[in-house]
Amino acid sequence: SNCQLVRSCFASDWRPVEVHFEHGEEGDTS
């Protein structure tokens, strides 16, 4: 949701360098 917030308020093509999650991989991470 915060990624969508950035793209709607600043730049639609915004992409972070990396995204981190504290939980493990579950299911299809693609």
PDB file of all heavy atoms in Angstrom:
ATOM      1  N   SER A   1       0.825  -1.209   0.000  1.00  0.00           N
ATOM      2  CA  SER A   1       0.000   0.000   0.000  1.00  0.00           C
ATOM      3  C   SER A   1       0.862   1.263   0.000  1.00  0.00           C
ATOM      4  O   SER A   1       0.526   2.250  -0.666  1.00  0.00           O
ATOM      5  CB  SER A   1      -0.952   0.000   1.205  1.00  0.00           C
ATOM      6  OG  SER A   1      -0.234  -0.026   2.420  1.00  0.00           O
ATOM      7  N   ASN A   2       1.997   1.233   0.722  1.00  0.00           N
ATOM      8  CA  ASN A   2       2.872   2.404   0.716  1.00  0.00           C
ATOM      9  C   ASN A   2       3.592   2.561  -0.620  1.00  0.00           C
ATOM     10  O   ASN A   2       3.875   3.679  -1.047  1.00  0.00           O
ATOM     11  CB  ASN A   2       3.871   2.316   1.867  1.00  0.00           C
ATOM     12  CG  ASN A   2       3.269   2.775   3.178  1.00  0.00           C
ATOM     13  OD1 ASN A   2       2.976   3.942   3.368  1.00  0.00           O
ATOM     14  ND2 ASN A   2       3.065   1.846   4.099  1.00  0.00           N
ATOM     15  N   CYS A   3       3.884   1.459  -1.280  1.00  0.00           N
ATOM     16  CA  CYS A   3       4.441   1.528  -2.628  1.00  0.00           C
ATOM     17  C   CYS A   3       3.435   2.178  -3.576  1.00  0.00           C
ATOM     18  O   CYS A   3       3.788   3.046  -4.387  1.00  0.00           O
ATOM     19  CB  CYS A   3       4.813   0.134  -3.115  1.00  0.00           C
ATOM     20  SG  CYS A   3       5.527   0.073  -4.774  1.00  0.00           S
ATOM     21  N   GLN A   4       2.175   1.767  -3.470  1.00  0.00           N
ATOM     22  CA  GLN A   4       1.124   2.367  -4.290  1.00  0.00           C
ATOM     23  C   GLN A   4       0.947   3.841  -3.961  1.00  0.00           C
ATOM     24  O   GLN A   4       0.681   4.657  -4.850  1.00  0.00           O
ATOM     25  CB  GLN A   4      -0.195   1.611  -4.078  1.00  0.00           C
ATOM     26  CG  GLN A   4      -0.189   0.202  -4.616  1.00  0.00           C
ATOM     27  CD  GLN A   4       0.063   0.162  -6.110  1.00  0.00           C
ATOM     28  OE1 GLN A   4       1.168  -0.132  -6.552  1.00  0.00           O
ATOM     29  NE2 GLN A   4      -0.937   0.491  -6.892  1.00  0.00           N
ATOM     30  N   LEU A   5       1.095   4.178  -2.690  1.00  0.00           N
ATOM     31  CA  LEU A   5       0.983   5.570  -2.262  1.00  0.00           C
ATOM     32  C   LEU A   5       2.046   6.429  -2.940  1.00  0.00           C
ATOM     33  O   LEU A   5       1.764   7.522  -3.436  1.00  0.00           O
ATOM     34  CB  LEU A   5       1.135   5.636  -0.740  1.00  0.00           C
ATOM     35  CG  LEU A   5       0.690   6.907  -0.027  1.00  0.00           C
ATOM     36  CD1 LEU A   5      -0.790   7.149  -0.231  1.00  0.00           C
ATOM     37  CD2 LEU A   5       1.008   6.792   1.463  1.00  0.00           C
ATOM     38  N   VAL A   6       3.264   5.925  -2.983  1.00  0.00           N
ATOM     39  CA  VAL A   6       4.353   6.651  -3.639  1.00  0.00           C
ATOM     40  C   VAL A   6       4.061   6.831  -5.117  1.00  0.00           C
ATOM     41  O   VAL A   6       4.221   7.920  -5.676  1.00  0.00           O
ATOM     42  CB  VAL A   6       5.688   5.902  -3.449  1.00  0.00           C
ATOM     43  CG1 VAL A   6       6.779   6.544  -4.303  1.00  0.00           C
ATOM     44  CG2 VAL A   6       6.098   5.905  -1.987  1.00  0.00           C
ATOM     45  N   ARG A   7       3.604   5.765  -5.764  1.00  0.00           N
ATOM     46  CA  ARG A   7       3.378   5.835  -7.210  1.00  0.00           C
ATOM     47  C   ARG A   7       2.205   6.743  -7.573  1.00  0.00           C
ATOM     48  O   ARG A   7       2.213   7.358  -8.637  1.00  0.00           O
ATOM     49  CB  ARG A   7       3.157   4.427  -7.749  1.00  0.00           C
ATOM     50  CG  ARG A   7       4.438   3.597  -7.745  1.00  0.00           C
ATOM     51  CD  ARG A   7       4.207   2.151  -8.104  1.00  0.00           C
ATOM     52  NE  ARG A   7       5.476   1.400  -8.095  1.00  0.00           N
ATOM     53  CZ  ARG A   7       5.569   0.087  -8.105  1.00  0.00           C
ATOM     54  NH1 ARG A   7       4.448  -0.655  -8.123  1.00  0.00           N
ATOM     55  NH2 ARG A   7       6.750  -0.503  -8.092  1.00  0.00           N
ATOM     56  N   SER A   8       1.205   6.825  -6.705  1.00  0.00           N
ATOM     57  CA  SER A   8       0.070   7.691  -7.006  1.00  0.00           C
ATOM     58  C   SER A   8       0.344   9.153  -6.668  1.00  0.00           C
ATOM     59  O   SER A   8      -0.237  10.044  -7.283  1.00  0.00           O
ATOM     60  CB  SER A   8      -1.174   7.216  -6.243  1.00  0.00           C
ATOM     61  OG  SER A   8      -0.987   7.332  -4.844  1.00  0.00           O
ATOM     62  N   CYS A   9       1.251   9.402  -5.721  1.00  0.00           N
ATOM     63  CA  CYS A   9       1.509  10.782  -5.272  1.00  0.00           C
ATOM     64  C   CYS A   9       2.773  11.392  -5.868  1.00  0.00           C
ATOM     65  O   CYS A   9       2.915  12.621  -5.908  1.00  0.00           O
ATOM     66  CB  CYS A   9       1.618  10.837  -3.757  1.00  0.00           C
ATOM     67  SG  CYS A   9       0.150  10.314  -2.857  1.00  0.00           S
ATOM     68  N   PHE A  10       3.717  10.548  -6.317  1.00  0.00           N
ATOM     69  CA  PHE A  10       4.997  11.074  -6.777  1.00  0.00           C
ATOM     70  C   PHE A  10       5.366  10.613  -8.194  1.00  0.00           C
ATOM     71  O   PHE A  10       5.463  11.429  -9.089  1.00  0.00           O
ATOM     72  CB  PHE A  10       6.103  10.692  -5.782  1.00  0.00           C
ATOM     73  CG  PHE A  10       5.975  11.385  -4.460  1.00  0.00           C
ATOM     74  CD1 PHE A  10       5.305  10.768  -3.403  1.00  0.00           C
ATOM     75  CD2 PHE A  10       6.495  12.650  -4.268  1.00  0.00           C
ATOM     76  CE1 PHE A  10       5.163  11.405  -2.179  1.00  0.00           C
ATOM     77  CE2 PHE A  10       6.364  13.300  -3.041  1.00  0.00           C
ATOM     78  CZ  PHE A  10       5.693  12.674  -1.998  1.00  0.00           C
ATOM     79  N   ALA A  11       5.608   9.339  -8.377  1.00  0.00           N
ATOM     80  CA  ALA A  11       6.037   8.864  -9.694  1.00  0.00           C
ATOM     81  C   ALA A  11       5.489   7.466  -9.947  1.00  0.00           C
ATOM     82  O   ALA A  11       5.753   6.546  -9.170  1.00  0.00           O
ATOM     83  CB  ALA A  11       7.572   8.849  -9.778  1.00  0.00           C
ATOM     84  N   SER A  12       4.728   7.305 -11.028  1.00  0.00           N
ATOM     85  CA  SER A  12       4.076   6.023 -11.309  1.00  0.00           C
ATOM     86  C   SER A  12       5.083   4.929 -11.621  1.00  0.00           C
ATOM     87  O   SER A  12       4.753   3.739 -11.509  1.00  0.00           O
ATOM     88  CB  SER A  12       3.106   6.175 -12.486  1.00  0.00           C
ATOM     89  OG  SER A  12       3.802   6.614 -13.653  1.00  0.00           O
ATOM     90  N   ASP A  13       6.301   5.311 -12.017  1.00  0.00           N
ATOM     91  CA  ASP A  13       7.311   4.311 -12.350  1.00  0.00           C
ATOM     92  C   ASP A  13       8.316   4.100 -11.219  1.00  0.00           C
ATOM     93  O   ASP A  13       9.367   3.494 -11.426  1.00  0.00           O
ATOM     94  CB  ASP A  13       8.059   4.712 -13.622  1.00  0.00           C
ATOM     95  CG  ASP A  13       8.780   6.054 -13.488  1.00  0.00           C
ATOM     96  OD1 ASP A  13       8.516   6.779 -12.503  1.00  0.00           O
ATOM     97  OD2 ASP A  13       9.597   6.380 -14.373  1.00  0.00           O
ATOM     98  N   TRP A  14       7.991   4.582 -10.006  1.00  0.00           N
ATOM     99  CA  TRP A  14       8.928   4.457  -8.888  1.00  0.00           C
ATOM    100  C   TRP A  14       9.165   2.999  -8.533  1.00  0.00           C
ATOM    101  O   TRP A  14       8.255   2.177  -8.547  1.00  0.00           O
ATOM    102  CB  TRP A  14       8.380   5.184  -7.655  1.00  0.00           C
ATOM    103  CG  TRP A  14       9.290   5.093  -6.453  1.00  0.00           C
ATOM    104  CD1 TRP A  14      10.417   5.810  -6.223  1.00  0.00           C
ATOM    105  CD2 TRP A  14       9.135   4.225  -5.323  1.00  0.00           C
ATOM    106  NE1 TRP A  14      10.985   5.462  -5.015  1.00  0.00           N
ATOM    107  CE2 TRP A  14      10.227   4.486  -4.443  1.00  0.00           C
ATOM    108  CE3 TRP A  14       8.202   3.257  -4.960  1.00  0.00           C
ATOM    109  CZ2 TRP A  14      10.387   3.810  -3.228  1.00  0.00           C
ATOM    110  CZ3 TRP A  14       8.363   2.585  -3.759  1.00  0.00           C
ATOM    111  CH2 TRP A  14       9.446   2.863  -2.895  1.00  0.00           C
ATOM    112  N   ARG A  15      10.413   2.707  -8.237  1.00  0.00           N
ATOM    113  CA  ARG A  15      10.756   1.374  -7.753  1.00  0.00           C
ATOM    114  C   ARG A  15      11.863   1.507  -6.714  1.00  0.00           C
ATOM    115  O   ARG A  15      12.799   2.287  -6.895  1.00  0.00           O
ATOM    116  CB  ARG A  15      11.209   0.469  -8.894  1.00  0.00           C
ATOM    117  CG  ARG A  15      12.468   0.930  -9.618  1.00  0.00           C
ATOM    118  CD  ARG A  15      12.859  -0.036 -10.712  1.00  0.00           C
ATOM    119  NE  ARG A  15      11.884  -0.070 -11.784  1.00  0.00           N
ATOM    120  CZ  ARG A  15      11.905  -0.959 -12.777  1.00  0.00           C
ATOM    121  NH1 ARG A  15      12.858  -1.897 -12.798  1.00  0.00           N
ATOM    122  NH2 ARG A  15      11.008  -0.922 -13.729  1.00  0.00           N
ATOM    123  N   PRO A  16      11.758   0.789  -5.610  1.00  0.00           N
ATOM    124  CA  PRO A  16      12.822   0.828  -4.601  1.00  0.00           C
ATOM    125  C   PRO A  16      14.041   0.044  -5.074  1.00  0.00           C
ATOM    126  O   PRO A  16      13.969  -0.710  -6.045  1.00  0.00           O
ATOM    127  CB  PRO A  16      12.174   0.165  -3.382  1.00  0.00           C
ATOM    128  CG  PRO A  16      11.136  -0.744  -3.969  1.00  0.00           C
ATOM    129  CD  PRO A  16      10.642  -0.077  -5.223  1.00  0.00           C
ATOM    130  N   VAL A  17      15.152   0.216  -4.369  1.00  0.00           N
ATOM    131  CA  VAL A  17      16.353  -0.561  -4.663  1.00  0.00           C
ATOM    132  C   VAL A  17      16.157  -2.003  -4.198  1.00  0.00           C
ATOM    133  O   VAL A  17      16.486  -2.953  -4.909  1.00  0.00           O
ATOM    134  CB  VAL A  17      17.585   0.063  -3.969  1.00  0.00           C
ATOM    135  CG1 VAL A  17      18.828  -0.802  -4.189  1.00  0.00           C
ATOM    136  CG2 VAL A  17      17.824   1.472  -4.486  1.00  0.00           C
ATOM    137  N   GLU A  18      15.597  -2.151  -2.998  1.00  0.00           N
ATOM    138  CA  GLU A  18      15.284  -3.457  -2.421  1.00  0.00           C
ATOM    139  C   GLU A  18      14.068  -3.318  -1.524  1.00  0.00           C
ATOM    140  O   GLU A  18      13.779  -2.234  -1.020  1.00  0.00           O
ATOM    141  CB  GLU A  18      16.445  -3.995  -1.569  1.00  0.00           C
ATOM    142  CG  GLU A  18      17.643  -4.495  -2.316  1.00  0.00           C
ATOM    143  CD  GLU A  18      18.730  -5.003  -1.385  1.00  0.00           C
ATOM    144  OE1 GLU A  18      18.619  -4.806  -0.148  1.00  0.00           O
ATOM    145  OE2 GLU A  18      19.691  -5.592  -1.880  1.00  0.00           O
ATOM    146  N   VAL A  19      13.396  -4.446  -1.314  1.00  0.00           N
ATOM    147  CA  VAL A  19      12.301  -4.523  -0.352  1.00  0.00           C
ATOM    148  C   VAL A  19      12.611  -5.660   0.612  1.00  0.00           C
ATOM    149  O   VAL A  19      12.978  -6.760   0.173  1.00  0.00           O
ATOM    150  CB  VAL A  19      10.941  -4.772  -1.041  1.00  0.00           C
ATOM    151  CG1 VAL A  19       9.820  -4.843  -0.003  1.00  0.00           C
ATOM    152  CG2 VAL A  19      10.649  -3.683  -2.068  1.00  0.00           C
ATOM    153  N   HIS A  20      12.489  -5.407   1.909  1.00  0.00           N
ATOM    154  CA  HIS A  20      12.780  -6.418   2.929  1.00  0.00           C
ATOM    155  C   HIS A  20      11.502  -6.814   3.658  1.00  0.00           C
ATOM    156  O   HIS A  20      10.664  -5.950   3.950  1.00  0.00           O
ATOM    157  CB  HIS A  20      13.771  -5.869   3.963  1.00  0.00           C
ATOM    158  CG  HIS A  20      15.110  -5.531   3.401  1.00  0.00           C
ATOM    159  ND1 HIS A  20      16.142  -5.039   4.184  1.00  0.00           N
ATOM    160  CD2 HIS A  20      15.603  -5.627   2.133  1.00  0.00           C
ATOM    161  CE1 HIS A  20      17.202  -4.836   3.419  1.00  0.00           C
ATOM    162  NE2 HIS A  20      16.896  -5.172   2.174  1.00  0.00           N
ATOM    163  N   PHE A  21      11.394  -8.098   3.983  1.00  0.00           N
ATOM    164  CA  PHE A  21      10.309  -8.596   4.823  1.00  0.00           C
ATOM    165  C   PHE A  21      10.899  -9.418   5.958  1.00  0.00           C
ATOM    166  O   PHE A  21      11.877 -10.153   5.755  1.00  0.00           O
ATOM    167  CB  PHE A  21       9.333  -9.463   4.022  1.00  0.00           C
ATOM    168  CG  PHE A  21       8.403  -8.684   3.142  1.00  0.00           C
ATOM    169  CD1 PHE A  21       8.571  -8.674   1.767  1.00  0.00           C
ATOM    170  CD2 PHE A  21       7.363  -7.952   3.694  1.00  0.00           C
ATOM    171  CE1 PHE A  21       7.721  -7.950   0.948  1.00  0.00           C
ATOM    172  CE2 PHE A  21       6.498  -7.218   2.890  1.00  0.00           C
ATOM    173  CZ  PHE A  21       6.682  -7.217   1.513  1.00  0.00           C
ATOM    174  N   GLU A  22      10.270  -9.331   7.132  1.00  0.00           N
ATOM    175  CA  GLU A  22      10.769 -10.100   8.268  1.00  0.00           C
ATOM    176  C   GLU A  22      10.300 -11.546   8.238  1.00  0.00           C
ATOM    177  O   GLU A  22      10.911 -12.403   8.874  1.00  0.00           O
ATOM    178  CB  GLU A  22      10.357  -9.438   9.587  1.00  0.00           C
ATOM    179  CG  GLU A  22       8.860  -9.306   9.770  1.00  0.00           C
ATOM    180  CD  GLU A  22       8.482  -8.585  11.044  1.00  0.00           C
ATOM    181  OE1 GLU A  22       9.381  -8.258  11.839  1.00  0.00           O
ATOM    182  OE2 GLU A  22       7.277  -8.338  11.240  1.00  0.00           O
ATOM    183  N   HIS A  23       9.227 -11.846   7.527  1.00  0.00           N
ATOM    184  CA  HIS A  23       8.769 -13.233   7.453  1.00  0.00           C
ATOM    185  C   HIS A  23       9.499 -13.981   6.338  1.00  0.00           C
ATOM    186  O   HIS A  23      10.151 -13.377   5.487  1.00  0.00           O
ATOM    187  CB  HIS A  23       7.249 -13.303   7.241  1.00  0.00           C
ATOM    188  CG  HIS A  23       6.780 -12.604   5.995  1.00  0.00           C
ATOM    189  ND1 HIS A  23       6.336 -11.306   5.989  1.00  0.00           N
ATOM    190  CD2 HIS A  23       6.683 -13.023   4.709  1.00  0.00           C
ATOM    191  CE1 HIS A  23       5.977 -10.948   4.772  1.00  0.00           C
ATOM    192  NE2 HIS A  23       6.179 -11.982   3.969  1.00  0.00           N
ATOM    193  N   GLY A  24       9.378 -15.302   6.355  1.00  0.00           N
ATOM    194  CA  GLY A  24      10.043 -16.128   5.354  1.00  0.00           C
ATOM    195  C   GLY A  24       9.257 -16.188   4.053  1.00  0.00           C
ATOM    196  O   GLY A  24       8.113 -15.723   3.964  1.00  0.00           O
ATOM    197  N   GLU A  25       9.879 -16.772   3.034  1.00  0.00           N
ATOM    198  CA  GLU A  25       9.200 -16.943   1.754  1.00  0.00           C
ATOM    199  C   GLU A  25       8.018 -17.879   1.920  1.00  0.00           C
ATOM    200  O   GLU A  25       8.137 -18.932   2.531  1.00  0.00           O
ATOM    201  CB  GLU A  25      10.155 -17.523   0.710  1.00  0.00           C
ATOM    202  CG  GLU A  25      11.436 -16.750   0.516  1.00  0.00           C
ATOM    203  CD  GLU A  25      12.573 -17.288   1.359  1.00  0.00           C
ATOM    204  OE1 GLU A  25      12.298 -17.713   2.492  1.00  0.00           O
ATOM    205  OE2 GLU A  25      13.714 -17.293   0.883  1.00  0.00           O
ATOM    206  N   GLU A  26       6.880 -17.485   1.371  1.00  0.00           N
ATOM    207  CA  GLU A  26       5.687 -18.336   1.422  1.00  0.00           C
ATOM    208  C   GLU A  26       4.997 -18.292   0.075  1.00  0.00           C
ATOM    209  O   GLU A  26       4.617 -17.225  -0.397  1.00  0.00           O
ATOM    210  CB  GLU A  26       4.732 -17.855   2.532  1.00  0.00           C
ATOM    211  CG  GLU A  26       5.317 -17.968   3.934  1.00  0.00           C
ATOM    212  CD  GLU A  26       4.304 -17.573   5.000  1.00  0.00           C
ATOM    213  OE1 GLU A  26       3.116 -17.882   4.828  1.00  0.00           O
ATOM    214  OE2 GLU A  26       4.711 -16.949   5.994  1.00  0.00           O
ATOM    215  N   GLY A  27       4.850 -19.433  -0.531  1.00  0.00           N
ATOM    216  CA  GLY A  27       4.151 -19.500  -1.803  1.00  0.00           C
ATOM    217  C   GLY A  27       4.949 -18.869  -2.938  1.00  0.00           C
ATOM    218  O   GLY A  27       6.179 -18.853  -2.948  1.00  0.00           O
ATOM    219  N   ASP A  28       4.227 -18.304  -3.909  1.00  0.00           N
ATOM    220  CA  ASP A  28       4.830 -17.708  -5.099  1.00  0.00           C
ATOM    221  C   ASP A  28       5.279 -16.284  -4.779  1.00  0.00           C
ATOM    222  O   ASP A  28       4.462 -15.374  -4.660  1.00  0.00           O
ATOM    223  CB  ASP A  28       3.814 -17.709  -6.238  1.00  0.00           C
ATOM    224  CG  ASP A  28       4.402 -17.163  -7.538  1.00  0.00           C
ATOM    225  OD1 ASP A  28       5.630 -16.929  -7.581  1.00  0.00           O
ATOM    226  OD2 ASP A  28       3.633 -16.950  -8.491  1.00  0.00           O
ATOM    227  N   THR A  29       6.581 -16.093  -4.652  1.00  0.00           N
ATOM    228  CA  THR A  29       7.103 -14.764  -4.306  1.00  0.00           C
ATOM    229  C   THR A  29       7.273 -13.868  -5.529  1.00  0.00           C
ATOM    230  O   THR A  29       7.588 -12.688  -5.387  1.00  0.00           O
ATOM    231  CB  THR A  29       8.459 -14.887  -3.597  1.00  0.00           C
ATOM    232  OG1 THR A  29       9.389 -15.549  -4.459  1.00  0.00           O
ATOM    233  CG2 THR A  29       8.315 -15.699  -2.305  1.00  0.00           C
ATOM    234  N   SER A  30       7.052 -14.422  -6.724  1.00  0.00           N
ATOM    235  CA  SER A  30       7.226 -13.603  -7.933  1.00  0.00           C
ATOM    236  C   SER A  30       6.207 -12.474  -8.000  1.00  0.00           C
ATOM    237  O   SER A  30       6.465 -11.435  -8.613  1.00  0.00           O
ATOM    238  CB  SER A  30       7.119 -14.481  -9.179  1.00  0.00           C
ATOM    239  OG  SER A  30       5.822 -15.069  -9.286  1.00  0.00           O
TER     240      SER A  30
END
